[in-house]
Amino acid sequence: MNSTLPASFPTPADLYSNRRQRLIEKMVTGGLGDAALVTSVANVRYLTGFTGDSSYLLLTPDHAVILSDGRYQVQLANECPGVPVAIRPPSQKMNDLVQEIIGTTMPERLILEADQVTFSQFHSLEKTLSSTSLVPLDNFVTPLREIKDAYEISITRRAVEIGEAAFLEVIPTLTPQTTEREIAWKLEAAMRTRGAEGVSFEIIAAAGETGALPHYRPADREIGDEATLLIDWGAKFLGYASDHTRTLHREHASDRFRDCYRAVLEAQLAAIDALRPGIKGSEVDSVARKILVKHGLGDAFSHSLGHGIGLHIHEGPRLAAVAEDVLAEGMIVTVEPGVYFQADFGIRIEDDVLITPNGCEVLGKLPKGLDDCRLML
């Protein structure tokens, strides 16, 4: 693993304008509206490169303008050159600025992100923009984010590399006296040292029976003599997330644990092998689920198989029994089957996988065989 990772690398000059143009084409060809007000922090970042918050993007077929406040004036100039900016003074509310800027374009129909705007925000905008029809749409921007461009794929590869390198550094330092919380701290520190801006989510480090809680929060519990250790962690690099899980075991782990581990690994490998453009997320979930059912573990697999990753740790597409999402080249998904036995142990194995033209590519290189995951304390 490369331990001297650069903090950033250059952004293609036309990256964000091309993304905005794709959204405009969706808006115009679909007859959805005359303008769009993007309010999601992640979606504003995706469309402009702006890494701050409390800012909106107004987009029409003819122009784009970022609506913000004085705290971000310099940052916007540095991160979004060429994109007009409207800065509100401290005495002006954001909705009043929206009204002022929209008044210069007078769209008949303004698209809002329905999954991002609260009822109170909608009501306030409806009152403020009395001459404009508001069109709330679910998943207006987020579907564009599901298919990653080359720049996003490169960033995600780096996030995966950082996460795996940190894991390989931290695991040999563990002792029976190390606590679950210390494992999380060590991993976060190691990822930040390698260039991560932070963690993708709150790290899970679960020893023994706590591994049976899929969203367990680490406590001040020492590893002690516990036979198993489940760790779920991820790095955030330039806004993009990685997501990894490994379940480690010690020499005195039970035969039942070993049998279950082999079954989960079999399910994960089969699901990865099934990934390709054109397959539904539900079909991939079924591949893994059928294998666990075959081993008598169907009831112990209590969650979906995986999800997309990107600017959010959980985004589309989904790999789930009820998912209708169809996979396409450029999507990056997690594959993370797991089984959980209360008051005993849990097992989850997770990798980040890129959908390629003819199949898929596992982005990480971290070993995951039973013998690879022995914990030597």
Protein backbone atom coordinates (compact mmCIF):
# COMPACT_ATOMS: atom_id res chain seq x y z
CA MET A 1 0.00 0.00 0.00
CA ASN A 2 1.18 3.52 -0.82
CA SER A 3 1.69 5.43 2.43
CA THR A 4 2.48 8.80 0.80
CA LEU A 5 -0.87 9.73 -0.64
CA PRO A 6 -1.39 13.27 -2.01
CA ALA A 7 -4.12 15.32 -0.36
CA SER A 8 -5.75 16.12 -3.70
CA PHE A 9 -5.34 15.89 -7.42
CA PRO A 10 -6.49 18.15 -10.25
CA THR A 11 -10.14 18.37 -11.24
CA PRO A 12 -10.95 18.25 -14.98
CA ALA A 13 -11.81 21.79 -16.05
CA ASP A 14 -15.19 20.97 -17.59
CA LEU A 15 -16.28 18.37 -15.02
CA TYR A 16 -18.95 20.40 -13.23
CA SER A 17 -20.28 22.23 -16.28
CA ASN A 18 -20.80 18.85 -17.98
CA ARG A 19 -22.72 17.57 -14.95
CA ARG A 20 -24.93 20.66 -14.92
CA GLN A 21 -25.57 20.24 -18.63
CA ARG A 22 -26.72 16.66 -18.07
CA LEU A 23 -29.19 17.90 -15.47
CA ILE A 24 -30.44 20.66 -17.78
CA GLU A 25 -30.99 18.10 -20.55
CA LYS A 26 -32.99 15.94 -18.12
CA MET A 27 -35.05 18.98 -17.12
CA VAL A 28 -35.72 20.20 -20.66
CA THR A 29 -36.22 16.94 -22.53
CA GLY A 30 -38.48 15.63 -19.80
CA GLY A 31 -40.55 18.82 -19.76
CA LEU A 32 -40.09 18.90 -15.99
CA GLY A 33 -39.69 22.63 -15.44
CA ASP A 34 -38.06 25.87 -16.52
CA ALA A 35 -35.57 26.08 -13.63
CA ALA A 36 -34.34 23.99 -10.73
CA LEU A 37 -33.38 24.96 -7.20
CA VAL A 38 -30.85 22.48 -5.83
CA THR A 39 -30.67 22.63 -2.03
CA SER A 40 -28.97 19.35 -1.05
CA VAL A 41 -25.41 19.99 0.18
CA ALA A 42 -24.13 16.89 -1.63
CA ASN A 43 -25.91 17.74 -4.87
CA VAL A 44 -24.66 21.34 -4.86
CA ARG A 45 -21.16 19.95 -4.42
CA TYR A 46 -21.67 17.41 -7.21
CA LEU A 47 -22.81 20.12 -9.63
CA THR A 48 -20.37 22.92 -8.71
CA GLY A 49 -17.44 21.58 -6.68
CA PHE A 50 -18.36 23.77 -3.69
CA THR A 51 -17.45 22.00 -0.44
CA GLY A 52 -19.27 24.30 1.97
CA ASP A 53 -22.88 24.23 3.11
CA SER A 54 -25.89 26.53 3.58
CA SER A 55 -25.88 27.31 -0.15
CA TYR A 56 -28.25 26.66 -3.06
CA LEU A 57 -27.79 26.31 -6.80
CA LEU A 58 -30.32 27.85 -9.18
CA LEU A 59 -30.09 26.26 -12.60
CA THR A 60 -31.84 27.28 -15.82
CA PRO A 61 -31.15 26.27 -19.43
CA ASP A 62 -29.22 29.52 -19.85
CA HIS A 63 -27.25 29.98 -16.66
CA ALA A 64 -26.36 28.81 -13.17
CA VAL A 65 -25.95 30.85 -9.99
CA ILE A 66 -24.93 29.83 -6.49
CA LEU A 67 -26.85 31.45 -3.64
CA SER A 68 -24.83 31.78 -0.45
CA ASP A 69 -23.66 34.15 2.26
CA GLY A 70 -20.55 36.16 3.09
CA ARG A 71 -18.82 33.37 4.99
CA TYR A 72 -18.19 31.54 1.74
CA GLN A 73 -17.43 34.36 -0.69
CA VAL A 74 -13.70 33.62 -0.95
CA GLN A 75 -14.19 29.86 -0.87
CA LEU A 76 -16.72 30.03 -3.69
CA ALA A 77 -14.37 32.13 -5.80
CA ASN A 78 -11.62 29.55 -5.30
CA GLU A 79 -13.70 26.39 -5.74
CA CYS A 80 -16.23 27.48 -8.37
CA PRO A 81 -14.45 29.83 -10.80
CA GLY A 82 -16.70 30.90 -13.63
CA VAL A 83 -19.96 30.21 -11.78
CA PRO A 84 -21.88 33.39 -10.84
CA VAL A 85 -22.52 33.82 -7.12
CA ALA A 86 -25.21 35.78 -5.29
CA ILE A 87 -24.23 36.64 -1.72
CA ARG A 88 -26.92 37.62 0.75
CA PRO A 89 -26.11 40.12 3.50
CA PRO A 90 -26.69 39.20 7.16
CA SER A 91 -29.97 41.14 7.08
CA GLN A 92 -31.44 39.01 4.28
CA LYS A 93 -33.03 35.56 4.61
CA MET A 94 -32.18 32.85 2.10
CA ASN A 95 -35.76 32.65 0.81
CA ASP A 96 -35.70 36.38 0.14
CA LEU A 97 -32.51 35.93 -1.87
CA VAL A 98 -34.16 33.07 -3.75
CA GLN A 99 -37.08 35.32 -4.58
CA GLU A 100 -34.75 38.13 -5.70
CA ILE A 101 -32.68 35.92 -8.01
CA ILE A 102 -35.61 33.97 -9.40
CA GLY A 103 -37.35 37.26 -10.08
CA THR A 104 -34.70 38.00 -12.71
CA THR A 105 -35.58 34.83 -14.66
CA MET A 106 -39.31 34.46 -13.89
CA PRO A 107 -39.63 30.70 -14.49
CA GLU A 108 -43.19 29.39 -14.75
CA ARG A 109 -42.24 26.11 -13.05
CA LEU A 110 -39.45 25.70 -10.51
CA ILE A 111 -38.23 22.19 -9.72
CA LEU A 112 -37.46 21.44 -6.07
CA GLU A 113 -35.76 18.38 -4.61
CA ALA A 114 -38.75 16.83 -2.86
CA ASP A 115 -36.58 14.46 -0.85
CA GLN A 116 -34.53 17.39 0.49
CA VAL A 117 -37.03 20.20 1.11
CA THR A 118 -39.04 20.09 4.33
CA PHE A 119 -42.73 20.91 4.37
CA SER A 120 -42.04 24.21 6.10
CA GLN A 121 -39.43 25.15 3.50
CA PHE A 122 -41.83 24.27 0.69
CA HIS A 123 -44.63 26.30 2.27
CA SER A 124 -42.30 29.27 2.75
CA LEU A 125 -41.07 29.14 -0.86
CA GLU A 126 -44.61 28.72 -2.14
CA LYS A 127 -45.62 31.86 -0.28
CA THR A 128 -42.51 33.77 -1.36
CA LEU A 129 -42.69 32.74 -5.05
CA SER A 130 -46.40 33.28 -5.56
CA SER A 131 -46.12 33.72 -9.34
CA THR A 132 -44.07 30.54 -9.89
CA SER A 133 -45.42 26.99 -9.75
CA LEU A 134 -43.28 24.73 -7.56
CA VAL A 135 -42.63 21.23 -8.89
CA PRO A 136 -41.33 18.90 -6.15
CA LEU A 137 -39.56 15.90 -7.66
CA ASP A 138 -38.08 12.91 -5.88
CA ASN A 139 -34.58 11.86 -6.94
CA PHE A 140 -34.10 14.68 -9.42
CA VAL A 141 -30.31 14.96 -9.08
CA THR A 142 -29.29 11.81 -7.20
CA PRO A 143 -29.79 9.35 -10.11
CA LEU A 144 -27.08 11.22 -12.02
CA ARG A 145 -24.70 10.54 -9.13
CA GLU A 146 -25.22 6.77 -9.32
CA ILE A 147 -22.98 6.41 -12.38
CA LYS A 148 -19.52 7.63 -11.48
CA ASP A 149 -17.29 9.43 -13.96
CA ALA A 150 -13.58 8.70 -14.26
CA TYR A 151 -12.70 11.39 -11.72
CA GLU A 152 -15.07 9.96 -9.11
CA ILE A 153 -13.79 6.45 -9.70
CA SER A 154 -10.20 7.62 -9.18
CA ILE A 155 -11.15 9.34 -5.91
CA THR A 156 -13.03 6.27 -4.67
CA ARG A 157 -10.06 4.04 -5.48
CA ARG A 158 -7.93 6.32 -3.31
CA ALA A 159 -10.49 6.22 -0.48
CA VAL A 160 -10.46 2.41 -0.63
CA GLU A 161 -6.67 2.35 -0.63
CA ILE A 162 -6.53 4.65 2.39
CA GLY A 163 -9.04 2.52 4.30
CA GLU A 164 -7.21 -0.73 3.62
CA ALA A 165 -3.77 0.68 4.41
CA ALA A 166 -5.05 2.00 7.75
CA PHE A 167 -6.52 -1.41 8.62
CA LEU A 168 -3.25 -3.19 7.85
CA GLU A 169 -1.40 -0.71 10.04
CA VAL A 170 -3.75 -0.88 13.03
CA ILE A 171 -4.57 -4.58 13.35
CA PRO A 172 -1.02 -5.71 14.30
CA THR A 173 -1.00 -3.15 17.14
CA LEU A 174 -4.02 -4.63 18.94
CA THR A 175 -3.63 -6.34 22.31
CA PRO A 176 -6.14 -7.99 24.67
CA GLN A 177 -6.23 -4.67 26.54
CA THR A 178 -7.23 -2.63 23.46
CA THR A 179 -10.83 -1.43 23.66
CA GLU A 180 -13.36 -1.32 20.86
CA ARG A 181 -13.37 2.48 21.03
CA GLU A 182 -9.58 2.60 20.79
CA ILE A 183 -9.74 0.49 17.61
CA ALA A 184 -12.07 3.07 16.07
CA TRP A 185 -9.82 5.94 17.12
CA LYS A 186 -6.71 4.22 15.80
CA LEU A 187 -8.34 3.55 12.44
CA GLU A 188 -9.55 7.11 12.08
CA ALA A 189 -6.12 8.51 12.96
CA ALA A 190 -4.41 6.17 10.50
CA MET A 191 -6.80 7.14 7.70
CA ARG A 192 -6.39 10.85 8.36
CA THR A 193 -2.60 10.46 8.36
CA ARG A 194 -2.90 9.01 4.85
CA GLY A 195 -4.91 11.93 3.51
CA ALA A 196 -8.51 11.15 4.46
CA GLU A 197 -10.57 14.15 5.52
CA GLY A 198 -12.37 11.93 7.99
CA VAL A 199 -14.39 8.75 8.33
CA SER A 200 -17.26 7.81 6.03
CA PHE A 201 -19.43 6.89 9.02
CA GLU A 202 -19.05 6.05 12.68
CA ILE A 203 -16.66 3.10 12.78
CA ILE A 204 -17.94 -0.20 14.16
CA ALA A 205 -15.54 -2.31 16.22
CA ALA A 206 -17.45 -5.16 17.85
CA ALA A 207 -15.77 -7.92 19.86
CA GLY A 208 -17.51 -11.23 20.51
CA GLU A 209 -21.26 -11.07 21.03
CA THR A 210 -21.48 -7.38 20.16
CA GLY A 211 -20.68 -8.37 16.58
CA ALA A 212 -24.25 -9.69 16.42
CA LEU A 213 -25.50 -6.07 16.46
CA PRO A 214 -25.16 -4.84 12.84
CA HIS A 215 -25.05 -1.14 13.82
CA TYR A 216 -23.23 -1.52 17.13
CA ARG A 217 -21.37 1.48 18.55
CA PRO A 218 -17.92 0.78 20.03
CA ALA A 219 -17.67 0.93 23.81
CA ASP A 220 -14.86 0.96 26.35
CA ARG A 221 -14.78 -2.85 26.25
CA GLU A 222 -11.43 -4.57 25.99
CA ILE A 223 -10.97 -7.25 23.36
CA GLY A 224 -9.80 -9.51 26.15
CA ASP A 225 -10.24 -13.18 25.26
CA GLU A 226 -13.08 -12.67 22.77
CA ALA A 227 -12.87 -15.11 19.87
CA THR A 228 -14.18 -12.77 17.17
CA LEU A 229 -13.83 -9.12 16.16
CA LEU A 230 -16.00 -7.46 13.50
CA ILE A 231 -14.74 -4.13 12.15
CA ASP A 232 -16.72 -1.95 9.71
CA TRP A 233 -14.91 1.23 8.68
CA GLY A 234 -14.43 3.63 5.79
CA ALA A 235 -12.39 6.63 4.67
CA LYS A 236 -13.73 9.85 3.21
CA PHE A 237 -11.40 11.30 0.59
CA LEU A 238 -12.25 14.50 -1.32
CA GLY A 239 -15.86 13.95 -0.31
CA TYR A 240 -16.12 10.33 -1.48
CA ALA A 241 -16.61 7.35 0.80
CA SER A 242 -15.16 3.88 1.04
CA ASP A 243 -16.84 1.12 3.06
CA HIS A 244 -15.10 -2.01 4.31
CA THR A 245 -15.91 -4.83 6.73
CA ARG A 246 -13.76 -7.70 7.94
CA THR A 247 -14.53 -10.23 10.66
CA LEU A 248 -11.41 -11.46 12.44
CA HIS A 249 -11.14 -14.51 14.66
CA ARG A 250 -8.73 -16.05 17.12
CA GLU A 251 -7.51 -19.62 17.40
CA HIS A 252 -10.21 -20.59 19.88
CA ALA A 253 -13.10 -19.50 17.62
CA SER A 254 -15.76 -22.21 17.43
CA ASP A 255 -16.29 -24.65 14.58
CA ARG A 256 -19.72 -23.09 14.15
CA PHE A 257 -18.11 -19.70 13.56
CA ARG A 258 -15.74 -21.18 10.99
CA ASP A 259 -18.56 -22.91 9.11
CA CYS A 260 -20.66 -19.75 9.09
CA TYR A 261 -17.70 -17.67 7.93
CA ARG A 262 -17.12 -19.96 4.95
CA ALA A 263 -20.82 -19.71 4.05
CA VAL A 264 -20.81 -15.89 4.19
CA LEU A 265 -17.66 -15.74 2.07
CA GLU A 266 -19.19 -18.12 -0.46
CA ALA A 267 -22.28 -15.90 -0.65
CA GLN A 268 -20.21 -12.76 -1.08
CA LEU A 269 -18.01 -14.20 -3.82
CA ALA A 270 -21.03 -15.54 -5.72
CA ALA A 271 -22.79 -12.16 -5.52
CA ILE A 272 -19.70 -10.34 -6.77
CA ASP A 273 -19.43 -12.83 -9.63
CA ALA A 274 -23.03 -12.00 -10.59
CA LEU A 275 -22.46 -8.24 -10.81
CA ARG A 276 -22.70 -6.84 -14.33
CA PRO A 277 -24.54 -4.15 -16.28
CA GLY A 278 -28.21 -4.95 -16.79
CA ILE A 279 -28.79 -7.09 -13.71
CA LYS A 280 -31.28 -5.96 -11.07
CA GLY A 281 -30.16 -5.29 -7.52
CA SER A 282 -32.79 -7.76 -6.32
CA GLU A 283 -31.27 -10.51 -8.45
CA VAL A 284 -27.82 -10.00 -6.94
CA ASP A 285 -29.29 -9.99 -3.43
CA SER A 286 -31.03 -13.27 -4.26
CA VAL A 287 -27.77 -14.91 -5.33
CA ALA A 288 -26.21 -14.34 -1.90
CA ARG A 289 -29.41 -15.06 0.02
CA LYS A 290 -29.96 -18.45 -1.66
CA ILE A 291 -26.48 -19.58 -0.65
CA LEU A 292 -27.03 -18.63 2.97
CA VAL A 293 -30.42 -20.39 2.91
CA LYS A 294 -28.69 -23.48 1.54
CA HIS A 295 -26.41 -23.44 4.58
CA GLY A 296 -29.36 -22.99 6.95
CA LEU A 297 -28.47 -19.34 7.61
CA GLY A 298 -31.24 -17.53 5.74
CA ASP A 299 -32.92 -16.20 8.90
CA ALA A 300 -29.57 -14.92 10.20
CA PHE A 301 -29.11 -12.62 7.17
CA SER A 302 -31.24 -9.74 8.40
CA HIS A 303 -30.35 -6.88 6.03
CA SER A 304 -29.94 -6.15 2.33
CA LEU A 305 -26.84 -7.16 0.42
CA GLY A 306 -25.44 -3.74 -0.40
CA HIS A 307 -25.78 -0.16 -1.59
CA GLY A 308 -24.12 2.46 -3.71
CA ILE A 309 -21.43 4.71 -2.28
CA GLY A 310 -20.23 8.17 -3.30
CA LEU A 311 -20.67 11.58 -1.72
CA HIS A 312 -22.96 9.76 0.73
CA ILE A 313 -22.11 6.47 2.39
CA HIS A 314 -25.54 5.16 1.43
CA GLU A 315 -26.88 6.09 -2.00
CA GLY A 316 -28.29 4.36 -5.06
CA PRO A 317 -28.35 1.78 -6.41
CA ARG A 318 -29.51 -0.73 -3.81
CA LEU A 319 -28.80 -4.46 -3.74
CA ALA A 320 -31.87 -5.63 -1.86
CA ALA A 321 -34.72 -8.11 -2.14
CA VAL A 322 -37.13 -5.28 -2.98
CA ALA A 323 -34.74 -3.25 -5.18
CA GLU A 324 -35.79 -2.59 -8.77
CA ASP A 325 -32.54 -0.74 -9.53
CA VAL A 326 -30.77 -1.96 -12.66
CA LEU A 327 -26.99 -1.89 -12.50
CA ALA A 328 -25.00 0.02 -15.10
CA GLU A 329 -21.36 0.57 -15.98
CA GLY A 330 -19.75 3.10 -13.65
CA MET A 331 -21.80 2.33 -10.55
CA ILE A 332 -19.92 1.50 -7.34
CA VAL A 333 -21.68 -0.73 -4.84
CA THR A 334 -20.89 -2.52 -1.61
CA VAL A 335 -21.39 -6.27 -1.32
CA GLU A 336 -21.79 -7.15 2.35
CA PRO A 337 -23.66 -10.31 3.31
CA GLY A 338 -23.74 -11.04 7.03
CA VAL A 339 -25.14 -13.41 9.63
CA TYR A 340 -25.83 -12.56 13.26
CA PHE A 341 -26.42 -14.73 16.34
CA GLN A 342 -27.47 -12.90 19.47
CA ALA A 343 -25.26 -13.40 22.54
CA ASP A 344 -22.72 -15.24 20.40
CA PHE A 345 -21.12 -13.58 17.31
CA GLY A 346 -21.73 -11.83 14.02
CA ILE A 347 -19.99 -12.14 10.65
CA ARG A 348 -19.97 -9.62 7.82
CA ILE A 349 -17.63 -9.40 4.84
CA GLU A 350 -17.77 -6.26 2.70
CA ASP A 351 -15.98 -4.89 -0.34
CA ASP A 352 -16.54 -1.96 -2.71
CA VAL A 353 -17.11 -3.06 -6.30
CA LEU A 354 -17.11 -1.09 -9.57
CA ILE A 355 -19.47 -2.19 -12.35
CA THR A 356 -17.45 -2.50 -15.56
CA PRO A 357 -18.60 -2.93 -19.20
CA ASN A 358 -18.60 -6.73 -18.97
CA GLY A 359 -18.75 -7.45 -15.26
CA CYS A 360 -17.17 -5.86 -12.23
CA GLU A 361 -13.94 -5.03 -10.42
CA VAL A 362 -13.35 -5.31 -6.69
CA LEU A 363 -11.62 -2.03 -5.85
CA GLY A 364 -9.77 -3.30 -2.78
CA LYS A 365 -7.09 -5.92 -2.30
CA LEU A 366 -7.59 -6.79 1.37
CA PRO A 367 -7.55 -10.58 1.91
CA LYS A 368 -10.72 -12.14 3.32
CA GLY A 369 -10.22 -15.90 3.47
CA LEU A 370 -10.74 -17.59 6.82
CA ASP A 371 -7.02 -18.07 7.35
CA ASP A 372 -6.33 -14.50 6.17
CA CYS A 373 -8.51 -13.11 8.93
CA ARG A 374 -6.90 -14.72 11.97
CA LEU A 375 -6.28 -12.27 14.81
CA MET A 376 -2.94 -12.85 16.50
CA LEU A 377 -2.81 -11.22 19.94
